[in-house]
N, C-alpha and C. Protein backbone atom coordinates (compact mmCIF):
# COMPACT_ATOMS: atom_id res chain seq x y z
N UNK A 1 134.60 129.07 50.86
CA UNK A 1 135.00 127.73 50.99
C UNK A 1 134.33 126.95 51.90
N UNK A 2 133.92 125.94 51.77
CA UNK A 2 133.01 125.02 52.63
C UNK A 2 133.96 124.11 53.38
N UNK A 3 133.82 124.36 54.83
CA UNK A 3 134.83 123.43 55.56
C UNK A 3 134.56 121.92 55.44
N UNK A 4 135.61 121.15 55.48
CA UNK A 4 135.52 119.59 55.36
C UNK A 4 134.78 118.99 56.59
N UNK A 5 135.10 119.46 57.71
CA UNK A 5 134.47 119.11 59.04
C UNK A 5 133.47 120.25 59.42
N UNK A 6 132.47 119.96 60.09
CA UNK A 6 131.54 120.86 60.49
C UNK A 6 132.14 121.80 61.57
N UNK A 7 131.78 123.04 61.68
CA UNK A 7 132.08 124.00 62.67
C UNK A 7 131.15 123.92 63.88
N UNK A 8 131.75 123.54 65.08
CA UNK A 8 130.86 123.48 66.25
C UNK A 8 130.08 124.80 66.46
N UNK A 9 128.82 124.54 67.00
CA UNK A 9 128.06 125.72 67.20
C UNK A 9 127.60 125.90 68.73
N UNK A 10 128.02 124.94 69.47
CA UNK A 10 127.74 125.01 70.92
C UNK A 10 128.95 124.66 71.81
N UNK A 11 128.90 125.09 73.06
CA UNK A 11 130.11 124.68 73.92
C UNK A 11 129.58 124.59 75.46
N UNK A 12 130.33 123.91 76.25
CA UNK A 12 130.13 123.73 77.60
C UNK A 12 131.37 123.70 78.27
N UNK A 13 131.45 124.25 79.56
CA UNK A 13 132.62 124.13 80.46
C UNK A 13 132.26 123.14 81.45
N UNK A 14 133.26 122.23 81.67
CA UNK A 14 133.07 121.09 82.82
C UNK A 14 134.23 120.88 83.57
N UNK A 15 134.06 120.31 84.78
CA UNK A 15 135.15 120.13 85.68
C UNK A 15 134.80 119.06 86.70
N UNK A 16 135.80 118.29 87.09
CA UNK A 16 135.54 117.23 88.19
C UNK A 16 136.83 116.71 88.71
N UNK A 17 136.77 116.15 89.86
CA UNK A 17 137.82 115.59 90.49
C UNK A 17 137.44 114.17 91.15
N UNK A 18 138.43 113.24 91.13
CA UNK A 18 138.08 111.95 91.78
C UNK A 18 139.19 111.04 92.03
N UNK A 19 139.01 110.15 92.54
CA UNK A 19 139.95 109.07 92.99
C UNK A 19 139.95 107.81 92.12
N UNK A 20 140.84 107.08 92.01
CA UNK A 20 140.83 105.72 91.31
C UNK A 20 141.87 104.86 91.84
N UNK A 21 141.74 103.52 91.40
CA UNK A 21 142.77 102.55 91.87
C UNK A 21 144.07 102.63 91.08
N UNK A 22 143.98 103.24 89.84
CA UNK A 22 145.12 103.33 89.08
C UNK A 22 145.16 104.86 88.54
N UNK A 23 146.19 105.27 87.94
CA UNK A 23 146.13 106.69 87.39
C UNK A 23 145.13 106.92 86.28
N UNK A 24 144.92 105.85 85.44
CA UNK A 24 143.94 105.84 84.27
C UNK A 24 142.53 105.85 84.90
N UNK A 25 142.31 105.07 85.95
CA UNK A 25 140.80 105.19 86.47
C UNK A 25 140.55 106.37 87.20
N UNK A 26 141.61 106.97 87.79
CA UNK A 26 141.38 108.26 88.50
C UNK A 26 141.04 109.36 87.42
N UNK A 27 141.79 109.34 86.36
CA UNK A 27 141.39 110.15 85.20
C UNK A 27 139.99 109.91 84.66
N UNK A 28 139.62 108.67 84.40
CA UNK A 28 138.25 108.17 84.05
C UNK A 28 137.30 108.74 84.90
N UNK A 29 137.44 108.54 86.16
CA UNK A 29 136.57 108.87 87.24
C UNK A 29 136.39 110.33 87.34
N UNK A 30 137.44 111.25 87.15
CA UNK A 30 137.33 112.68 87.05
C UNK A 30 136.40 113.04 85.91
N UNK A 31 136.59 112.40 84.71
CA UNK A 31 135.84 112.71 83.66
C UNK A 31 134.25 112.49 83.87
N UNK A 32 134.07 111.31 84.54
CA UNK A 32 132.65 111.03 84.92
C UNK A 32 132.08 112.08 85.76
N UNK A 33 133.00 112.58 86.79
CA UNK A 33 132.52 113.56 87.78
C UNK A 33 132.29 114.87 86.98
N UNK A 34 132.92 115.08 85.98
CA UNK A 34 132.79 116.30 85.23
C UNK A 34 131.62 116.27 84.15
N UNK A 35 131.03 115.01 84.02
CA UNK A 35 129.98 114.90 83.00
C UNK A 35 130.57 114.54 81.56
N UNK A 36 131.87 114.29 81.41
CA UNK A 36 132.48 113.92 80.11
C UNK A 36 132.93 112.57 79.98
N UNK A 37 132.47 111.66 80.88
CA UNK A 37 133.11 110.28 80.96
C UNK A 37 132.55 109.26 79.96
N UNK A 38 131.53 109.59 79.20
CA UNK A 38 130.91 108.65 78.26
C UNK A 38 131.10 109.12 76.73
N UNK A 39 131.99 109.89 76.53
CA UNK A 39 132.20 110.40 75.13
C UNK A 39 133.67 110.15 74.95
N UNK A 40 134.10 110.28 73.70
CA UNK A 40 135.50 110.28 73.32
C UNK A 40 136.11 111.67 72.95
N UNK A 41 137.03 111.99 73.80
CA UNK A 41 137.54 113.34 73.84
C UNK A 41 138.60 113.50 72.67
N UNK A 42 138.48 114.47 71.74
CA UNK A 42 139.37 114.67 70.64
C UNK A 42 140.15 115.98 71.11
N UNK A 43 141.23 115.89 71.54
CA UNK A 43 142.02 117.07 72.11
C UNK A 43 142.29 118.10 71.06
N UNK A 44 141.80 119.37 71.32
CA UNK A 44 141.94 120.47 70.50
C UNK A 44 142.77 121.61 71.09
N UNK A 45 143.23 122.52 70.20
CA UNK A 45 143.90 123.74 70.99
C UNK A 45 142.91 124.72 71.45
N UNK A 46 143.02 125.85 70.91
CA UNK A 46 142.47 126.83 71.81
C UNK A 46 141.59 127.93 71.20
N UNK A 47 140.83 127.55 70.13
CA UNK A 47 139.93 128.59 69.50
C UNK A 47 138.50 128.13 69.50
N UNK A 48 137.72 129.13 70.06
CA UNK A 48 136.28 128.97 70.11
C UNK A 48 135.56 129.54 68.92
N UNK A 49 134.76 128.85 68.09
CA UNK A 49 134.36 129.36 66.78
C UNK A 49 133.53 130.59 67.03
N UNK A 50 133.47 131.39 66.04
CA UNK A 50 132.59 132.58 66.12
C UNK A 50 131.09 132.17 66.40
N UNK A 51 130.43 132.90 67.09
CA UNK A 51 128.85 132.73 67.43
C UNK A 51 128.60 131.42 68.04
N UNK A 52 129.60 130.73 68.63
CA UNK A 52 129.39 129.42 69.38
C UNK A 52 128.46 129.83 70.69
N UNK A 53 127.45 129.09 70.83
CA UNK A 53 126.48 129.24 71.96
C UNK A 53 126.88 128.50 73.18
N UNK A 54 126.91 129.13 74.36
CA UNK A 54 127.17 128.52 75.65
C UNK A 54 126.00 127.81 76.00
N UNK A 55 126.10 126.46 76.28
CA UNK A 55 124.93 125.60 76.76
C UNK A 55 125.58 124.93 78.03
N UNK A 56 125.28 125.47 79.16
CA UNK A 56 125.81 124.85 80.38
C UNK A 56 125.63 123.41 80.49
N UNK A 57 124.36 122.88 80.21
CA UNK A 57 124.05 121.53 80.28
C UNK A 57 123.99 120.73 79.12
N UNK A 58 125.04 120.98 78.30
CA UNK A 58 125.03 120.48 76.90
C UNK A 58 124.98 118.91 77.04
N UNK A 59 124.01 118.28 76.35
CA UNK A 59 123.86 116.97 76.14
C UNK A 59 124.52 116.35 74.91
N UNK A 60 125.38 115.52 75.27
CA UNK A 60 126.21 114.94 74.06
C UNK A 60 125.94 113.33 74.03
N UNK A 61 125.63 112.66 72.94
CA UNK A 61 125.39 111.33 72.93
C UNK A 61 126.45 110.59 73.31
N UNK A 62 126.47 109.32 74.08
CA UNK A 62 127.46 108.69 74.52
C UNK A 62 128.19 108.11 73.31
N UNK A 63 129.59 107.88 73.33
CA UNK A 63 130.34 107.47 72.22
C UNK A 63 130.77 108.52 71.30
N UNK A 64 130.17 109.76 71.38
CA UNK A 64 130.45 110.75 70.38
C UNK A 64 131.85 111.18 70.42
N UNK A 65 132.40 111.58 69.22
CA UNK A 65 133.79 112.09 69.15
C UNK A 65 133.58 113.57 69.33
N UNK A 66 134.18 114.19 70.52
CA UNK A 66 133.88 115.48 71.01
C UNK A 66 135.19 116.26 70.95
N UNK A 67 135.20 117.25 70.13
CA UNK A 67 136.36 118.19 70.12
C UNK A 67 136.37 118.90 71.53
N UNK A 68 137.61 118.74 72.32
CA UNK A 68 137.65 119.12 73.60
C UNK A 68 138.99 119.73 73.96
N UNK A 69 139.06 120.97 74.70
CA UNK A 69 140.19 121.48 75.15
C UNK A 69 140.28 121.21 76.63
N UNK A 70 141.29 120.50 77.12
CA UNK A 70 141.27 120.16 78.53
C UNK A 70 142.62 120.13 79.16
N UNK A 71 142.49 120.34 80.59
CA UNK A 71 143.60 120.19 81.47
C UNK A 71 143.35 119.26 82.35
N UNK A 72 144.38 118.38 82.81
CA UNK A 72 144.30 117.32 83.75
C UNK A 72 145.59 117.02 84.53
N UNK A 73 145.46 116.79 85.69
CA UNK A 73 146.58 116.44 86.55
C UNK A 73 146.18 115.16 87.33
N UNK A 74 147.13 114.20 87.49
CA UNK A 74 146.90 112.93 88.35
C UNK A 74 148.07 112.92 89.28
N UNK A 75 147.72 112.39 90.47
CA UNK A 75 148.83 112.35 91.34
C UNK A 75 148.68 110.99 92.32
N UNK A 76 149.74 110.38 92.82
CA UNK A 76 149.52 109.29 93.83
C UNK A 76 150.18 109.73 95.04
N UNK A 77 150.29 111.02 95.30
CA UNK A 77 150.89 111.48 96.52
C UNK A 77 149.83 111.93 97.48
N UNK A 78 149.46 110.99 98.58
CA UNK A 78 148.40 111.25 99.44
C UNK A 78 148.57 112.56 100.11
N UNK A 79 147.30 113.40 100.07
CA UNK A 79 147.33 114.74 100.67
C UNK A 79 147.71 116.00 99.84
N UNK A 80 148.13 115.51 98.56
CA UNK A 80 148.47 116.68 97.57
C UNK A 80 147.23 117.21 97.13
N UNK A 81 147.24 118.52 96.97
CA UNK A 81 146.11 119.28 96.32
C UNK A 81 146.36 119.42 94.80
N UNK A 82 145.37 119.16 94.19
CA UNK A 82 145.23 119.17 92.62
C UNK A 82 144.13 120.08 92.18
N UNK A 83 144.51 120.89 91.02
CA UNK A 83 143.40 121.65 90.58
C UNK A 83 143.66 121.71 88.91
N UNK A 84 142.43 121.84 88.39
CA UNK A 84 142.46 122.04 86.91
C UNK A 84 141.41 123.12 86.62
N UNK A 85 141.65 124.00 85.63
CA UNK A 85 140.74 124.95 85.28
C UNK A 85 140.71 125.32 83.66
N UNK A 86 139.65 125.84 83.20
CA UNK A 86 139.58 126.12 81.86
C UNK A 86 138.95 127.56 81.78
N UNK A 87 139.31 128.29 80.76
CA UNK A 87 138.57 129.68 80.60
C UNK A 87 138.32 129.73 79.15
N UNK A 88 137.17 130.44 78.85
CA UNK A 88 136.85 130.87 77.52
C UNK A 88 136.70 132.45 77.45
N UNK A 89 137.51 132.99 76.69
CA UNK A 89 137.49 134.44 76.41
C UNK A 89 136.54 134.78 75.28
N UNK A 90 135.69 135.63 75.38
CA UNK A 90 134.78 135.87 74.39
C UNK A 90 134.87 137.25 73.88
N UNK A 91 134.98 137.36 72.52
CA UNK A 91 135.11 138.65 71.85
C UNK A 91 133.74 139.10 71.28
N UNK A 92 133.35 140.44 71.25
CA UNK A 92 131.96 140.74 70.77
C UNK A 92 131.71 140.49 69.33
N UNK A 93 132.78 140.53 68.42
CA UNK A 93 132.48 140.31 67.15
C UNK A 93 133.64 139.38 66.46
N UNK A 94 134.02 138.48 67.13
CA UNK A 94 135.08 137.57 66.52
C UNK A 94 134.98 136.22 67.33
N UNK A 95 135.94 135.37 66.99
CA UNK A 95 136.17 134.06 67.60
C UNK A 95 136.48 134.27 69.06
N UNK A 96 136.50 133.15 69.77
CA UNK A 96 136.82 133.25 71.29
C UNK A 96 138.20 132.46 71.46
N UNK A 97 138.60 132.49 72.54
CA UNK A 97 140.06 131.77 72.78
C UNK A 97 139.77 130.97 74.17
N UNK A 98 140.37 129.69 74.16
CA UNK A 98 140.20 128.80 75.22
C UNK A 98 141.55 128.53 75.96
N UNK A 99 141.64 128.69 77.14
CA UNK A 99 142.85 128.23 77.85
C UNK A 99 142.54 127.20 78.99
N UNK A 100 143.66 126.29 79.18
CA UNK A 100 143.39 125.30 80.15
C UNK A 100 144.73 125.33 80.94
N UNK A 101 144.58 124.81 82.19
CA UNK A 101 145.67 124.64 83.13
C UNK A 101 145.35 123.67 84.21
N UNK A 102 146.39 122.86 84.62
CA UNK A 102 146.23 121.88 85.55
C UNK A 102 147.54 121.72 86.32
N UNK A 103 147.46 121.69 87.64
CA UNK A 103 148.68 121.63 88.40
C UNK A 103 148.51 121.31 89.81
N UNK A 104 149.60 121.26 90.60
CA UNK A 104 149.48 120.98 91.98
C UNK A 104 149.37 122.38 92.77
N UNK A 105 148.09 122.66 92.87
CA UNK A 105 147.85 124.00 93.34
C UNK A 105 146.36 123.98 93.88
N UNK A 106 145.96 125.22 94.32
CA UNK A 106 144.55 125.41 94.68
C UNK A 106 143.66 125.82 93.38
N UNK A 107 142.41 125.62 93.69
CA UNK A 107 141.31 126.06 92.61
C UNK A 107 141.66 127.53 92.19
N UNK A 108 141.77 128.29 93.18
CA UNK A 108 141.99 129.82 92.93
C UNK A 108 143.27 130.06 92.15
N UNK A 109 144.32 129.42 92.38
CA UNK A 109 145.53 129.63 91.67
C UNK A 109 145.20 129.11 90.19
N UNK A 110 144.68 128.03 89.90
CA UNK A 110 144.32 127.60 88.64
C UNK A 110 143.46 128.51 87.90
N UNK A 111 142.40 129.00 88.56
CA UNK A 111 141.51 129.93 87.92
C UNK A 111 142.28 131.26 87.43
N UNK A 112 143.14 131.74 88.40
CA UNK A 112 143.98 132.92 88.15
C UNK A 112 144.93 132.68 86.87
N UNK A 113 145.37 131.51 86.83
CA UNK A 113 146.23 131.24 85.76
C UNK A 113 145.54 131.24 84.34
N UNK A 114 144.33 130.67 84.18
CA UNK A 114 143.61 130.54 82.91
C UNK A 114 143.22 132.11 82.65
N UNK A 115 142.69 132.76 83.63
CA UNK A 115 142.14 134.22 83.38
C UNK A 115 143.32 135.00 82.77
N UNK A 116 144.48 134.81 83.41
CA UNK A 116 145.60 135.67 82.96
C UNK A 116 145.96 135.27 81.44
N UNK A 117 145.97 133.94 81.14
CA UNK A 117 146.31 133.50 79.81
C UNK A 117 145.36 133.99 78.80
N UNK A 118 144.03 134.05 79.14
CA UNK A 118 142.99 134.42 78.19
C UNK A 118 143.31 135.99 77.93
N UNK A 119 143.51 136.84 79.03
CA UNK A 119 143.91 138.23 78.74
C UNK A 119 145.09 138.43 77.80
N UNK A 120 146.22 137.48 78.07
CA UNK A 120 147.35 137.60 77.17
C UNK A 120 147.22 137.14 75.83
N UNK A 121 146.38 136.28 75.57
CA UNK A 121 146.08 135.78 74.24
C UNK A 121 145.17 136.72 73.54
N UNK A 122 144.19 137.36 74.18
CA UNK A 122 143.47 138.49 73.47
C UNK A 122 144.34 139.58 73.01
N UNK A 123 145.24 140.03 73.96
CA UNK A 123 146.09 141.05 73.72
C UNK A 123 147.06 140.90 72.49
N UNK A 124 147.53 139.49 72.59
CA UNK A 124 148.36 139.14 71.24
C UNK A 124 147.75 139.25 70.06
N UNK A 125 146.32 138.94 70.00
CA UNK A 125 145.54 138.91 68.77
C UNK A 125 144.88 140.24 68.34
N UNK A 126 145.06 141.26 69.45
CA UNK A 126 144.46 142.47 69.16
C UNK A 126 143.01 142.44 69.21
N UNK A 127 142.42 141.58 69.94
CA UNK A 127 140.87 141.35 70.07
C UNK A 127 140.37 142.01 71.37
N UNK A 128 139.23 142.42 71.40
CA UNK A 128 138.61 143.01 72.61
C UNK A 128 138.00 141.86 73.30
N UNK A 129 138.21 141.78 74.66
CA UNK A 129 137.82 140.86 75.53
C UNK A 129 136.44 141.26 76.19
N UNK A 130 135.33 140.64 75.83
CA UNK A 130 134.15 141.22 76.37
C UNK A 130 133.84 140.37 77.67
N UNK A 131 134.07 139.06 77.65
CA UNK A 131 133.61 138.22 78.81
C UNK A 131 134.55 136.93 79.08
N UNK A 132 134.72 136.58 80.16
CA UNK A 132 135.46 135.42 80.40
C UNK A 132 134.67 134.38 81.31
N UNK A 133 134.49 133.26 80.93
CA UNK A 133 133.86 132.18 81.51
C UNK A 133 134.97 131.19 82.05
N UNK A 134 134.85 130.87 83.22
CA UNK A 134 135.78 129.91 83.94
C UNK A 134 135.19 128.78 84.70
N UNK A 135 135.85 127.61 84.51
CA UNK A 135 135.34 126.40 85.25
C UNK A 135 136.49 125.64 85.84
N UNK A 136 136.35 125.21 87.12
CA UNK A 136 137.47 124.55 87.75
C UNK A 136 137.28 123.46 88.61
N UNK A 137 138.14 122.55 88.93
CA UNK A 137 137.91 121.50 89.94
C UNK A 137 139.19 121.48 90.89
N UNK A 138 138.94 121.21 92.13
CA UNK A 138 139.97 120.85 93.03
C UNK A 138 139.87 119.56 93.70
N UNK A 139 141.07 118.87 93.89
CA UNK A 139 140.82 117.45 94.53
C UNK A 139 142.04 117.31 95.32
N UNK A 140 141.77 116.84 96.67
CA UNK A 140 142.99 116.51 97.47
C UNK A 140 143.02 114.86 97.44
N UNK A 141 144.34 114.47 97.07
CA UNK A 141 144.55 113.17 96.88
C UNK A 141 144.40 112.27 98.08
N UNK A 142 143.84 111.13 97.99
CA UNK A 142 143.61 110.12 99.00
C UNK A 142 144.60 109.04 98.73
N UNK A 143 144.45 108.47 97.68
CA UNK A 143 145.36 107.32 97.05
C UNK A 143 145.95 107.74 95.75
N UNK A 144 145.14 107.73 94.80
CA UNK A 144 145.52 108.10 93.34
C UNK A 144 144.31 109.17 92.92
N UNK A 145 144.50 110.47 92.65
CA UNK A 145 143.56 111.32 92.47
C UNK A 145 143.83 112.09 91.12
N UNK A 146 142.77 112.78 90.58
CA UNK A 146 142.87 113.46 89.33
C UNK A 146 141.90 114.65 89.52
N UNK A 147 142.45 115.75 88.95
CA UNK A 147 141.62 117.00 88.70
C UNK A 147 141.50 117.24 87.23
N UNK A 148 140.26 117.56 86.70
CA UNK A 148 140.18 117.63 85.25
C UNK A 148 139.12 118.84 85.02
N UNK A 149 139.48 119.65 83.98
CA UNK A 149 138.46 120.74 83.48
C UNK A 149 138.65 120.73 82.02
N UNK A 150 137.47 120.96 81.36
CA UNK A 150 137.37 120.92 79.81
C UNK A 150 136.41 121.96 79.26
N UNK A 151 136.64 122.34 78.10
CA UNK A 151 135.59 122.91 77.23
C UNK A 151 135.42 122.12 76.10
N UNK A 152 133.93 121.63 76.03
CA UNK A 152 133.60 120.54 75.11
C UNK A 152 132.80 121.27 73.92
N UNK A 153 133.19 121.17 72.72
CA UNK A 153 132.55 121.78 71.63
C UNK A 153 131.51 120.74 70.92
N UNK A 154 130.35 121.27 70.48
CA UNK A 154 129.46 120.30 69.86
C UNK A 154 128.72 121.11 68.76
N UNK A 155 127.77 120.36 68.01
CA UNK A 155 127.08 120.84 66.82
C UNK A 155 125.60 121.00 67.11
């Protein structure tokens, strides 16, 4: 059966944190810091297509509709520590799994959370976990801040 939509063949992990004058501009500035600010994010769940190639510096045209799994947290509490992380679990002969997390915590806590979720999701599927890639951002709020992390899929 031919899929109606094309299946992505490339992916990148991105993360950033930033301040803004409003909650929305803090989020937008975190997207810019992560390198995802000039595309339209289409939120997806958690499956990486089989044989998808990791391209760390993946170039995506401005305005593109980009399938993206992401976690983001925004706060207006000065001094609060925010973190967001994504992880991709890779199977040697199957599809992969993407997990995302964002919260009021450290980068290390966010990374540990997504790493554990990848292990659990692979165990639930009976898949062998060959490799895990993680990307995260941490941000200390000045006025209104955001931490953002994503996995962007592309063609």
